[in-house]
Amino acid sequence: MFANPRQSAAEGIPYGVVIQNDLLDALATGMTLPLVSARDAVLAGF
């Protein structure tokens, strides 16, 4: 888990979590998911 480094988005999406499996370590990219409150997710239509 990490704090959102983008100041412009941190208010709505304050944290993220890395979900990439070790099997994908060879890739130069990573997979992350935003962490938001349930209320904010409902308001955003998730």
C-alpha atoms as a PDB file:
ATOM      1  CA  MET A   1       0.000   0.000   0.000  1.00  0.00           C
ATOM      2  CA  PHE A   2       1.268   3.483  -0.803  1.00  0.00           C
ATOM      3  CA  ALA A   3       0.091   7.078  -0.726  1.00  0.00           C
ATOM      4  CA  ASN A   4      -1.054   8.430  -4.086  1.00  0.00           C
ATOM      5  CA  PRO A   5       1.868  10.481  -5.448  1.00  0.00           C
ATOM      6  CA  ARG A   6      -0.398  12.577  -7.725  1.00  0.00           C
ATOM      7  CA  GLN A   7      -1.468  15.568  -5.667  1.00  0.00           C
ATOM      8  CA  SER A   8      -4.301  16.362  -8.083  1.00  0.00           C
ATOM      9  CA  ALA A   9      -5.910  12.931  -7.518  1.00  0.00           C
ATOM     10  CA  ALA A  10      -4.935  12.219  -3.917  1.00  0.00           C
ATOM     11  CA  GLU A  11      -8.088  13.724  -2.424  1.00  0.00           C
ATOM     12  CA  GLY A  12     -10.385  11.252  -4.184  1.00  0.00           C
ATOM     13  CA  ILE A  13      -7.927   8.343  -4.342  1.00  0.00           C
ATOM     14  CA  PRO A  14      -5.635   8.713  -1.336  1.00  0.00           C
ATOM     15  CA  TYR A  15      -3.980   5.276  -1.519  1.00  0.00           C
ATOM     16  CA  GLY A  16      -3.080   2.508  -3.926  1.00  0.00           C
ATOM     17  CA  VAL A  17      -2.063  -1.107  -3.514  1.00  0.00           C
ATOM     18  CA  VAL A  18       0.275  -3.215  -5.661  1.00  0.00           C
ATOM     19  CA  ILE A  19      -1.439  -6.457  -6.696  1.00  0.00           C
ATOM     20  CA  GLN A  20       1.087  -7.820  -9.175  1.00  0.00           C
ATOM     21  CA  ASN A  21       2.028 -11.456  -8.735  1.00  0.00           C
ATOM     22  CA  ASP A  22       5.690 -12.519  -8.590  1.00  0.00           C
ATOM     23  CA  LEU A  23       5.138 -14.439 -11.848  1.00  0.00           C
ATOM     24  CA  LEU A  24       4.990 -11.077 -13.639  1.00  0.00           C
ATOM     25  CA  ASP A  25       8.207  -9.641 -12.159  1.00  0.00           C
ATOM     26  CA  ALA A  26       9.892  -9.765 -15.578  1.00  0.00           C
ATOM     27  CA  LEU A  27       7.536  -7.062 -16.867  1.00  0.00           C
ATOM     28  CA  ALA A  28       8.738  -3.457 -16.778  1.00  0.00           C
ATOM     29  CA  THR A  29       5.347  -2.347 -15.457  1.00  0.00           C
ATOM     30  CA  GLY A  30       3.345  -3.050 -12.335  1.00  0.00           C
ATOM     31  CA  MET A  31      -0.324  -3.577 -11.598  1.00  0.00           C
ATOM     32  CA  THR A  32      -1.949  -1.430  -8.937  1.00  0.00           C
ATOM     33  CA  LEU A  33      -5.476  -0.735  -7.730  1.00  0.00           C
ATOM     34  CA  PRO A  34      -6.751   2.514  -6.283  1.00  0.00           C
ATOM     35  CA  LEU A  35      -8.105   2.377  -2.735  1.00  0.00           C
ATOM     36  CA  VAL A  36     -11.128   4.571  -2.116  1.00  0.00           C
ATOM     37  CA  SER A  37     -13.818   4.712   0.530  1.00  0.00           C
ATOM     38  CA  ALA A  38     -17.035   2.797  -0.132  1.00  0.00           C
ATOM     39  CA  ARG A  39     -18.911   6.120  -0.224  1.00  0.00           C
ATOM     40  CA  ASP A  40     -16.582   7.560  -2.866  1.00  0.00           C
ATOM     41  CA  ALA A  41     -16.800   4.366  -4.930  1.00  0.00           C
ATOM     42  CA  VAL A  42     -20.612   4.524  -4.931  1.00  0.00           C
ATOM     43  CA  LEU A  43     -20.557   8.206  -5.871  1.00  0.00           C
ATOM     44  CA  ALA A  44     -18.179   7.426  -8.729  1.00  0.00           C
ATOM     45  CA  GLY A  45     -20.456   4.642 -10.001  1.00  0.00           C
ATOM     46  CA  PHE A  46     -18.269   1.634  -9.153  1.00  0.00           C
END
